[in-house]
Protein backbone atom coordinates (compact mmCIF):
# COMPACT_ATOMS: atom_id res chain seq x y z
CA MET A 1 0.00 0.00 0.00
CA ASN A 2 1.26 3.46 -0.91
CA LYS A 3 1.31 6.05 1.84
CA THR A 4 1.46 9.74 1.05
CA GLU A 5 3.25 12.15 3.36
CA PHE A 6 2.30 15.84 3.35
CA ILE A 7 4.89 18.51 4.12
CA THR A 8 4.10 22.21 4.31
CA LEU A 9 6.56 24.16 2.16
CA ILE A 10 5.07 27.66 2.35
CA ASP A 11 2.40 28.94 4.72
CA GLY A 12 2.25 32.63 5.42
CA ASP A 13 1.32 36.20 4.60
CA PHE A 14 3.85 38.22 2.66
CA ASP A 15 4.29 41.67 1.19
CA ASP A 16 4.90 41.87 -2.56
CA ARG A 17 8.70 41.90 -2.22
CA GLU A 18 8.82 38.84 0.04
CA ALA A 19 6.32 36.94 -2.11
CA THR A 20 8.25 37.81 -5.27
CA GLU A 21 11.52 36.59 -3.76
CA ILE A 22 9.99 33.31 -2.58
CA LEU A 23 8.09 32.51 -5.77
CA VAL A 24 10.80 33.59 -8.21
CA ASN A 25 13.35 31.47 -6.34
CA ILE A 26 11.14 28.38 -6.34
CA PHE A 27 10.13 28.69 -9.99
CA SER A 28 13.70 29.51 -11.06
CA SER A 29 15.06 26.51 -9.20
CA LYS A 30 12.57 24.16 -10.86
CA ILE A 31 13.16 25.68 -14.31
CA ASN A 32 16.92 25.32 -13.83
CA PHE A 33 16.50 21.69 -12.72
CA HIS A 34 14.64 20.83 -15.92
CA GLN A 35 17.02 22.84 -18.12
CA VAL A 36 19.97 20.90 -16.71
CA LYS A 37 18.08 17.62 -17.15
CA ASN A 38 17.28 18.51 -20.76
CA PHE A 39 20.86 19.62 -21.47
CA SER A 40 22.16 16.37 -20.00
CA SER A 41 19.81 14.36 -22.22
CA GLN A 42 20.95 16.27 -25.28
CA GLU A 43 24.61 15.75 -24.44
CA ARG A 44 24.30 12.07 -23.49
CA TYR A 45 21.68 10.83 -25.94
CA GLY A 46 21.54 13.52 -28.60
CA LYS A 47 17.85 14.20 -28.01
CA VAL A 48 15.60 16.53 -26.07
CA ASP A 49 14.06 15.28 -22.82
CA ALA A 50 10.41 15.78 -23.78
CA HIS A 51 9.15 15.82 -20.20
CA ALA A 52 11.75 18.38 -19.12
CA ALA A 53 11.03 20.59 -22.14
CA LYS A 54 7.30 20.48 -21.39
CA ARG A 55 7.83 21.30 -17.72
CA ILE A 56 10.07 24.27 -18.58
CA ILE A 57 7.24 25.79 -20.62
CA GLU A 58 4.65 25.06 -17.90
CA LEU A 59 6.87 26.53 -15.18
CA LYS A 60 7.66 29.66 -17.20
CA ASN A 61 3.93 30.16 -17.77
CA GLY A 62 3.27 29.63 -14.07
CA LEU A 63 5.95 32.16 -13.16
CA GLU A 64 4.48 34.69 -15.58
CA LYS A 65 1.04 34.24 -14.02
CA ALA A 66 2.48 34.55 -10.50
CA LEU A 67 4.31 37.77 -11.46
CA GLU A 68 1.04 39.23 -12.78
CA ILE A 69 -0.65 38.45 -9.47
CA LEU A 70 2.26 39.96 -7.54
CA LEU A 71 2.22 43.11 -9.67
CA ASN A 72 -1.52 43.49 -9.10
CA ALA A 73 -1.03 43.14 -5.35
CA LYS A 74 1.74 45.74 -5.40
CA LYS A 75 -0.35 48.21 -7.42
CA ASN A 76 -3.22 47.82 -4.95
CA ASN A 77 -1.01 47.87 -1.84
CA LYS A 78 -2.13 44.38 -0.83
CA ARG A 79 -0.46 41.50 0.97
CA LEU A 80 -0.38 37.95 -0.33
CA THR A 81 -1.19 34.70 1.43
CA ILE A 82 0.77 31.83 -0.05
CA LYS A 83 0.35 28.19 0.89
CA SER A 84 2.12 25.26 -0.73
CA ASP A 85 2.35 21.65 0.28
CA VAL A 86 4.59 18.90 -0.98
CA ASN A 87 2.96 15.47 -1.25
CA ILE A 88 5.39 12.56 -1.29
CA THR A 89 4.31 9.01 -2.09
CA ILE A 90 6.63 6.04 -2.33
CA THR A 91 5.48 3.78 -5.16
CA GLU A 92 6.60 0.49 -6.63
CA LEU A 93 8.86 0.48 -9.69
């Protein structure tokens, strides 16, 4: 039986600068991870890692959307509540 563990990654209220720093760092880290994975695939196998390439696009779109939300909050002098959980399940190979 697979058991899922839940870990809180982000849970708080932030001003626009704090929220921007947190979200840009997380998205950038994930984008970089997939760029390195894709580069490695190209160097080792001579082909694009399709999953990594797809995730790079999705993450860049997500970052763009997050930046729009952050800009809107800044323009309206609002704070942001951000919550993010990580769900980890060990599965059979």
